[in-house]
PDB file of all heavy atoms in Angstrom:
ATOM      1  N   THR A   1      66.330 -38.632  22.599  1.00  0.00           N
ATOM      2  CA  THR A   1      65.591 -39.375  21.576  1.00  0.00           C
ATOM      3  C   THR A   1      66.108 -40.811  21.525  1.00  0.00           C
ATOM      4  O   THR A   1      67.313 -41.042  21.420  1.00  0.00           O
ATOM      5  CB  THR A   1      65.770 -38.710  20.202  1.00  0.00           C
ATOM      6  OG1 THR A   1      65.430 -37.328  20.312  1.00  0.00           O
ATOM      7  CG2 THR A   1      64.891 -39.377  19.160  1.00  0.00           C
ATOM      8  N   THR A   2      65.197 -41.768  21.596  1.00  0.00           N
ATOM      9  CA  THR A   2      65.589 -43.180  21.671  1.00  0.00           C
ATOM     10  C   THR A   2      64.789 -44.007  20.672  1.00  0.00           C
ATOM     11  O   THR A   2      63.565 -43.893  20.601  1.00  0.00           O
ATOM     12  CB  THR A   2      65.366 -43.732  23.097  1.00  0.00           C
ATOM     13  OG1 THR A   2      66.154 -42.973  24.024  1.00  0.00           O
ATOM     14  CG2 THR A   2      65.759 -45.196  23.185  1.00  0.00           C
ATOM     15  N   VAL A   3      65.511 -44.832  19.919  1.00  0.00           N
ATOM     16  CA  VAL A   3      64.879 -45.799  19.015  1.00  0.00           C
ATOM     17  C   VAL A   3      65.246 -47.180  19.531  1.00  0.00           C
ATOM     18  O   VAL A   3      66.427 -47.520  19.648  1.00  0.00           O
ATOM     19  CB  VAL A   3      65.346 -45.619  17.566  1.00  0.00           C
ATOM     20  CG1 VAL A   3      64.578 -46.578  16.648  1.00  0.00           C
ATOM     21  CG2 VAL A   3      65.146 -44.175  17.111  1.00  0.00           C
ATOM     22  N   TYR A   4      64.234 -47.966  19.835  1.00  0.00           N
ATOM     23  CA  TYR A   4      64.396 -49.243  20.540  1.00  0.00           C
ATOM     24  C   TYR A   4      63.772 -50.353  19.694  1.00  0.00           C
ATOM     25  O   TYR A   4      62.627 -50.225  19.257  1.00  0.00           O
ATOM     26  CB  TYR A   4      63.700 -49.131  21.891  1.00  0.00           C
ATOM     27  CG  TYR A   4      63.847 -50.284  22.848  1.00  0.00           C
ATOM     28  CD1 TYR A   4      64.687 -50.172  23.956  1.00  0.00           C
ATOM     29  CD2 TYR A   4      63.137 -51.459  22.690  1.00  0.00           C
ATOM     30  CE1 TYR A   4      64.805 -51.215  24.870  1.00  0.00           C
ATOM     31  CE2 TYR A   4      63.253 -52.501  23.595  1.00  0.00           C
ATOM     32  CZ  TYR A   4      64.092 -52.374  24.686  1.00  0.00           C
ATOM     33  OH  TYR A   4      64.208 -53.401  25.594  1.00  0.00           O
ATOM     34  N   VAL A   5      64.517 -51.418  19.474  1.00  0.00           N
ATOM     35  CA  VAL A   5      64.036 -52.537  18.665  1.00  0.00           C
ATOM     36  C   VAL A   5      63.756 -53.736  19.554  1.00  0.00           C
ATOM     37  O   VAL A   5      64.560 -54.087  20.430  1.00  0.00           O
ATOM     38  CB  VAL A   5      65.073 -52.924  17.585  1.00  0.00           C
ATOM     39  CG1 VAL A   5      64.791 -54.321  17.034  1.00  0.00           C
ATOM     40  CG2 VAL A   5      65.067 -51.911  16.460  1.00  0.00           C
ATOM     41  N   THR A   6      62.604 -54.359  19.365  1.00  0.00           N
ATOM     42  CA  THR A   6      62.272 -55.585  20.071  1.00  0.00           C
ATOM     43  C   THR A   6      61.308 -56.420  19.234  1.00  0.00           C
ATOM     44  O   THR A   6      60.587 -55.884  18.393  1.00  0.00           O
ATOM     45  CB  THR A   6      61.648 -55.290  21.450  1.00  0.00           C
ATOM     46  OG1 THR A   6      61.341 -56.525  22.115  1.00  0.00           O
ATOM     47  CG2 THR A   6      60.352 -54.495  21.305  1.00  0.00           C
ATOM     48  N   HIS A   7      61.315 -57.732  19.469  1.00  0.00           N
ATOM     49  CA  HIS A   7      60.306 -58.603  18.844  1.00  0.00           C
ATOM     50  C   HIS A   7      59.164 -58.877  19.817  1.00  0.00           C
ATOM     51  O   HIS A   7      58.156 -59.480  19.457  1.00  0.00           O
ATOM     52  CB  HIS A   7      60.939 -59.943  18.438  1.00  0.00           C
ATOM     53  CG  HIS A   7      61.385 -60.764  19.620  1.00  0.00           C
ATOM     54  ND1 HIS A   7      62.595 -60.549  20.258  1.00  0.00           N
ATOM     55  CD2 HIS A   7      60.783 -61.760  20.318  1.00  0.00           C
ATOM     56  CE1 HIS A   7      62.715 -61.389  21.258  1.00  0.00           C
ATOM     57  NE2 HIS A   7      61.625 -62.132  21.326  1.00  0.00           N
ATOM     58  N   ASP A   8      59.325 -58.414  21.067  1.00  0.00           N
ATOM     59  CA  ASP A   8      58.358 -58.679  22.135  1.00  0.00           C
ATOM     60  C   ASP A   8      57.345 -57.537  22.178  1.00  0.00           C
ATOM     61  O   ASP A   8      57.647 -56.426  22.619  1.00  0.00           O
ATOM     62  CB  ASP A   8      59.112 -58.780  23.464  1.00  0.00           C
ATOM     63  CG  ASP A   8      58.209 -59.159  24.632  1.00  0.00           C
ATOM     64  OD1 ASP A   8      56.982 -58.913  24.537  1.00  0.00           O
ATOM     65  OD2 ASP A   8      58.715 -59.678  25.638  1.00  0.00           O
ATOM     66  N   GLN A   9      56.119 -57.808  21.749  1.00  0.00           N
ATOM     67  CA  GLN A   9      55.139 -56.731  21.671  1.00  0.00           C
ATOM     68  C   GLN A   9      54.698 -56.252  23.050  1.00  0.00           C
ATOM     69  O   GLN A   9      54.310 -55.097  23.210  1.00  0.00           O
ATOM     70  CB  GLN A   9      53.947 -57.151  20.804  1.00  0.00           C
ATOM     71  CG  GLN A   9      53.251 -58.423  21.209  1.00  0.00           C
ATOM     72  CD  GLN A   9      52.048 -58.179  22.086  1.00  0.00           C
ATOM     73  OE1 GLN A   9      51.615 -57.062  22.254  1.00  0.00           O
ATOM     74  NE2 GLN A   9      51.517 -59.246  22.657  1.00  0.00           N
ATOM     75  N   VAL A  10      54.789 -57.088  24.075  1.00  0.00           N
ATOM     76  CA  VAL A  10      54.480 -56.615  25.432  1.00  0.00           C
ATOM     77  C   VAL A  10      55.530 -55.593  25.868  1.00  0.00           C
ATOM     78  O   VAL A  10      55.203 -54.551  26.447  1.00  0.00           O
ATOM     79  CB  VAL A  10      54.418 -57.801  26.416  1.00  0.00           C
ATOM     80  CG1 VAL A  10      54.239 -57.291  27.845  1.00  0.00           C
ATOM     81  CG2 VAL A  10      53.288 -58.754  26.052  1.00  0.00           C
ATOM     82  N   GLU A  11      56.779 -55.884  25.580  1.00  0.00           N
ATOM     83  CA  GLU A  11      57.868 -54.945  25.865  1.00  0.00           C
ATOM     84  C   GLU A  11      57.644 -53.626  25.127  1.00  0.00           C
ATOM     85  O   GLU A  11      57.813 -52.539  25.679  1.00  0.00           O
ATOM     86  CB  GLU A  11      59.196 -55.589  25.429  1.00  0.00           C
ATOM     87  CG  GLU A  11      60.445 -54.959  25.985  1.00  0.00           C
ATOM     88  CD  GLU A  11      61.658 -55.798  25.647  1.00  0.00           C
ATOM     89  OE1 GLU A  11      61.804 -56.891  26.234  1.00  0.00           O
ATOM     90  OE2 GLU A  11      62.458 -55.384  24.791  1.00  0.00           O
ATOM     91  N   ALA A  12      57.253 -53.735  23.870  1.00  0.00           N
ATOM     92  CA  ALA A  12      57.017 -52.530  23.066  1.00  0.00           C
ATOM     93  C   ALA A  12      55.891 -51.690  23.650  1.00  0.00           C
ATOM     94  O   ALA A  12      56.001 -50.465  23.771  1.00  0.00           O
ATOM     95  CB  ALA A  12      56.686 -52.925  21.629  1.00  0.00           C
ATOM     96  N   MET A  13      54.809 -52.340  24.047  1.00  0.00           N
ATOM     97  CA  MET A  13      53.634 -51.615  24.527  1.00  0.00           C
ATOM     98  C   MET A  13      53.870 -50.958  25.885  1.00  0.00           C
ATOM     99  O   MET A  13      53.253 -49.945  26.207  1.00  0.00           O
ATOM    100  CB  MET A  13      52.446 -52.570  24.622  1.00  0.00           C
ATOM    101  CG  MET A  13      52.024 -53.177  23.288  1.00  0.00           C
ATOM    102  SD  MET A  13      51.158 -52.028  22.231  1.00  0.00           S
ATOM    103  CE  MET A  13      49.516 -52.120  22.940  1.00  0.00           C
ATOM    104  N   THR A  14      54.739 -51.531  26.695  1.00  0.00           N
ATOM    105  CA  THR A  14      54.953 -50.989  28.032  1.00  0.00           C
ATOM    106  C   THR A  14      56.052 -49.932  28.073  1.00  0.00           C
ATOM    107  O   THR A  14      56.164 -49.199  29.062  1.00  0.00           O
ATOM    108  CB  THR A  14      55.327 -52.108  29.021  1.00  0.00           C
ATOM    109  OG1 THR A  14      56.449 -52.843  28.509  1.00  0.00           O
ATOM    110  CG2 THR A  14      54.163 -53.059  29.219  1.00  0.00           C
ATOM    111  N   MET A  15      56.866 -49.817  27.007  1.00  0.00           N
ATOM    112  CA  MET A  15      58.008 -48.901  27.039  1.00  0.00           C
ATOM    113  C   MET A  15      57.850 -47.674  26.142  1.00  0.00           C
ATOM    114  O   MET A  15      58.293 -46.583  26.491  1.00  0.00           O
ATOM    115  CB  MET A  15      59.291 -49.637  26.640  1.00  0.00           C
ATOM    116  CG  MET A  15      59.705 -50.721  27.598  1.00  0.00           C
ATOM    117  SD  MET A  15      61.238 -51.540  27.122  1.00  0.00           S
ATOM    118  CE  MET A  15      62.440 -50.274  27.543  1.00  0.00           C
ATOM    119  N   GLY A  16      57.245 -47.832  24.971  1.00  0.00           N
ATOM    120  CA  GLY A  16      57.289 -46.788  23.970  1.00  0.00           C
ATOM    121  C   GLY A  16      56.284 -45.668  24.172  1.00  0.00           C
ATOM    122  O   GLY A  16      55.143 -45.914  24.581  1.00  0.00           O
ATOM    123  N   ASP A  17      56.720 -44.422  23.869  1.00  0.00           N
ATOM    124  CA  ASP A  17      55.761 -43.329  23.717  1.00  0.00           C
ATOM    125  C   ASP A  17      54.887 -43.618  22.501  1.00  0.00           C
ATOM    126  O   ASP A  17      53.680 -43.411  22.521  1.00  0.00           O
ATOM    127  CB  ASP A  17      56.484 -41.998  23.509  1.00  0.00           C
ATOM    128  CG  ASP A  17      57.330 -41.600  24.708  1.00  0.00           C
ATOM    129  OD1 ASP A  17      56.903 -41.876  25.838  1.00  0.00           O
ATOM    130  OD2 ASP A  17      58.411 -41.018  24.509  1.00  0.00           O
ATOM    131  N   ARG A  18      55.544 -44.077  21.435  1.00  0.00           N
ATOM    132  CA  ARG A  18      54.840 -44.593  20.259  1.00  0.00           C
ATOM    133  C   ARG A  18      55.510 -45.894  19.835  1.00  0.00           C
ATOM    134  O   ARG A  18      56.681 -46.144  20.131  1.00  0.00           O
ATOM    135  CB  ARG A  18      54.879 -43.596  19.093  1.00  0.00           C
ATOM    136  CG  ARG A  18      54.003 -42.377  19.272  1.00  0.00           C
ATOM    137  CD  ARG A  18      53.915 -41.579  17.963  1.00  0.00           C
ATOM    138  NE  ARG A  18      55.247 -41.177  17.502  1.00  0.00           N
ATOM    139  CZ  ARG A  18      55.542 -40.902  16.225  1.00  0.00           C
ATOM    140  NH1 ARG A  18      54.615 -40.989  15.295  1.00  0.00           N
ATOM    141  NH2 ARG A  18      56.760 -40.536  15.891  1.00  0.00           N
ATOM    142  N   VAL A  19      54.754 -46.709  19.112  1.00  0.00           N
ATOM    143  CA  VAL A  19      55.245 -48.001  18.640  1.00  0.00           C
ATOM    144  C   VAL A  19      55.026 -48.075  17.140  1.00  0.00           C
ATOM    145  O   VAL A  19      53.937 -47.758  16.644  1.00  0.00           O
ATOM    146  CB  VAL A  19      54.511 -49.166  19.339  1.00  0.00           C
ATOM    147  CG1 VAL A  19      54.996 -50.507  18.807  1.00  0.00           C
ATOM    148  CG2 VAL A  19      54.713 -49.087  20.853  1.00  0.00           C
ATOM    149  N   ALA A  20      56.077 -48.485  16.420  1.00  0.00           N
ATOM    150  CA  ALA A  20      55.990 -48.661  14.969  1.00  0.00           C
ATOM    151  C   ALA A  20      56.020 -50.152  14.670  1.00  0.00           C
ATOM    152  O   ALA A  20      56.981 -50.845  15.019  1.00  0.00           O
ATOM    153  CB  ALA A  20      57.159 -47.955  14.272  1.00  0.00           C
ATOM    154  N   VAL A  21      54.965 -50.654  14.039  1.00  0.00           N
ATOM    155  CA  VAL A  21      54.841 -52.075  13.726  1.00  0.00           C
ATOM    156  C   VAL A  21      55.259 -52.305  12.279  1.00  0.00           C
ATOM    157  O   VAL A  21      54.753 -51.641  11.363  1.00  0.00           O
ATOM    158  CB  VAL A  21      53.389 -52.562  13.935  1.00  0.00           C
ATOM    159  CG1 VAL A  21      53.292 -54.063  13.687  1.00  0.00           C
ATOM    160  CG2 VAL A  21      52.918 -52.229  15.348  1.00  0.00           C
ATOM    161  N   MET A  22      56.179 -53.264  12.065  1.00  0.00           N
ATOM    162  CA  MET A  22      56.678 -53.556  10.723  1.00  0.00           C
ATOM    163  C   MET A  22      56.383 -54.996  10.339  1.00  0.00           C
ATOM    164  O   MET A  22      56.299 -55.886  11.191  1.00  0.00           O
ATOM    165  CB  MET A  22      58.187 -53.291  10.643  1.00  0.00           C
ATOM    166  CG  MET A  22      58.581 -51.847  10.883  1.00  0.00           C
ATOM    167  SD  MET A  22      60.338 -51.532  10.596  1.00  0.00           S
ATOM    168  CE  MET A  22      60.420 -51.728   8.792  1.00  0.00           C
ATOM    169  N   GLN A  23      56.218 -55.208   9.054  1.00  0.00           N
ATOM    170  CA  GLN A  23      56.048 -56.548   8.492  1.00  0.00           C
ATOM    171  C   GLN A  23      56.660 -56.562   7.100  1.00  0.00           C
ATOM    172  O   GLN A  23      56.363 -55.686   6.277  1.00  0.00           O
ATOM    173  CB  GLN A  23      54.570 -56.957   8.417  1.00  0.00           C
ATOM    174  CG  GLN A  23      54.373 -58.370   7.843  1.00  0.00           C
ATOM    175  CD  GLN A  23      52.925 -58.633   7.447  1.00  0.00           C
ATOM    176  OE1 GLN A  23      52.210 -57.702   7.071  1.00  0.00           O
ATOM    177  NE2 GLN A  23      52.510 -59.876   7.516  1.00  0.00           N
ATOM    178  N   ASN A  24      57.514 -57.531   6.841  1.00  0.00           N
ATOM    179  CA  ASN A  24      58.132 -57.704   5.520  1.00  0.00           C
ATOM    180  C   ASN A  24      58.771 -56.413   5.004  1.00  0.00           C
ATOM    181  O   ASN A  24      58.650 -56.077   3.821  1.00  0.00           O
ATOM    182  CB  ASN A  24      57.106 -58.224   4.506  1.00  0.00           C
ATOM    183  CG  ASN A  24      56.582 -59.596   4.869  1.00  0.00           C
ATOM    184  OD1 ASN A  24      57.276 -60.390   5.499  1.00  0.00           O
ATOM    185  ND2 ASN A  24      55.348 -59.883   4.491  1.00  0.00           N
ATOM    186  N   GLY A  25      59.427 -55.687   5.906  1.00  0.00           N
ATOM    187  CA  GLY A  25      60.130 -54.478   5.507  1.00  0.00           C
ATOM    188  C   GLY A  25      59.258 -53.253   5.322  1.00  0.00           C
ATOM    189  O   GLY A  25      59.763 -52.194   4.938  1.00  0.00           O
ATOM    190  N   VAL A  26      57.971 -53.359   5.590  1.00  0.00           N
ATOM    191  CA  VAL A  26      57.032 -52.249   5.374  1.00  0.00           C
ATOM    192  C   VAL A  26      56.438 -51.815   6.712  1.00  0.00           C
ATOM    193  O   VAL A  26      55.991 -52.645   7.510  1.00  0.00           O
ATOM    194  CB  VAL A  26      55.902 -52.659   4.406  1.00  0.00           C
ATOM    195  CG1 VAL A  26      54.898 -51.521   4.235  1.00  0.00           C
ATOM    196  CG2 VAL A  26      56.480 -53.062   3.052  1.00  0.00           C
ATOM    197  N   LEU A  27      56.427 -50.504   6.946  1.00  0.00           N
ATOM    198  CA  LEU A  27      55.791 -49.958   8.140  1.00  0.00           C
ATOM    199  C   LEU A  27      54.278 -50.099   8.015  1.00  0.00           C
ATOM    200  O   LEU A  27      53.669 -49.592   7.080  1.00  0.00           O
ATOM    201  CB  LEU A  27      56.175 -48.484   8.299  1.00  0.00           C
ATOM    202  CG  LEU A  27      55.573 -47.750   9.492  1.00  0.00           C
ATOM    203  CD1 LEU A  27      56.065 -48.342  10.803  1.00  0.00           C
ATOM    204  CD2 LEU A  27      55.894 -46.257   9.418  1.00  0.00           C
ATOM    205  N   GLN A  28      53.664 -50.790   8.978  1.00  0.00           N
ATOM    206  CA  GLN A  28      52.225 -51.023   8.946  1.00  0.00           C
ATOM    207  C   GLN A  28      51.449 -49.924   9.678  1.00  0.00           C
ATOM    208  O   GLN A  28      50.437 -49.436   9.194  1.00  0.00           O
ATOM    209  CB  GLN A  28      51.908 -52.379   9.591  1.00  0.00           C
ATOM    210  CG  GLN A  28      52.588 -53.561   8.937  1.00  0.00           C
ATOM    211  CD  GLN A  28      52.109 -53.803   7.526  1.00  0.00           C
ATOM    212  OE1 GLN A  28      50.902 -53.872   7.271  1.00  0.00           O
ATOM    213  NE2 GLN A  28      53.037 -53.936   6.590  1.00  0.00           N
ATOM    214  N   GLN A  29      51.940 -49.542  10.849  1.00  0.00           N
ATOM    215  CA  GLN A  29      51.249 -48.527  11.645  1.00  0.00           C
ATOM    216  C   GLN A  29      52.202 -48.006  12.692  1.00  0.00           C
ATOM    217  O   GLN A  29      53.010 -48.764  13.257  1.00  0.00           O
ATOM    218  CB  GLN A  29      50.002 -49.121  12.322  1.00  0.00           C
ATOM    219  CG  GLN A  29      49.156 -48.107  13.097  1.00  0.00           C
ATOM    220  CD  GLN A  29      47.869 -48.711  13.656  1.00  0.00           C
ATOM    221  OE1 GLN A  29      47.586 -49.883  13.436  1.00  0.00           O
ATOM    222  NE2 GLN A  29      47.098 -47.923  14.382  1.00  0.00           N
ATOM    223  N   VAL A  30      52.146 -46.726  12.959  1.00  0.00           N
ATOM    224  CA  VAL A  30      52.897 -46.129  14.064  1.00  0.00           C
ATOM    225  C   VAL A  30      51.931 -45.269  14.865  1.00  0.00           C
ATOM    226  O   VAL A  30      51.251 -44.402  14.316  1.00  0.00           O
ATOM    227  CB  VAL A  30      54.115 -45.327  13.566  1.00  0.00           C
ATOM    228  CG1 VAL A  30      53.720 -44.241  12.577  1.00  0.00           C
ATOM    229  CG2 VAL A  30      54.872 -44.715  14.735  1.00  0.00           C
ATOM    230  N   ASP A  31      51.845 -45.558  16.169  1.00  0.00           N
ATOM    231  CA  ASP A  31      50.870 -44.862  17.001  1.00  0.00           C
ATOM    232  C   ASP A  31      51.204 -45.117  18.465  1.00  0.00           C
ATOM    233  O   ASP A  31      52.146 -45.859  18.775  1.00  0.00           O
ATOM    234  CB  ASP A  31      49.459 -45.349  16.676  1.00  0.00           C
ATOM    235  CG  ASP A  31      48.429 -44.216  16.688  1.00  0.00           C
ATOM    236  OD1 ASP A  31      48.556 -43.326  17.555  1.00  0.00           O
ATOM    237  OD2 ASP A  31      47.526 -44.222  15.842  1.00  0.00           O
TER     238      ASP A  31
END
């Protein structure tokens, strides 16, 4: 199990089984 943090959305989209998008401390969407 791996939790990976990045600010690069291209990196996120190419690596994650799922991606959790956050803004101002609030989870916006995970999919």
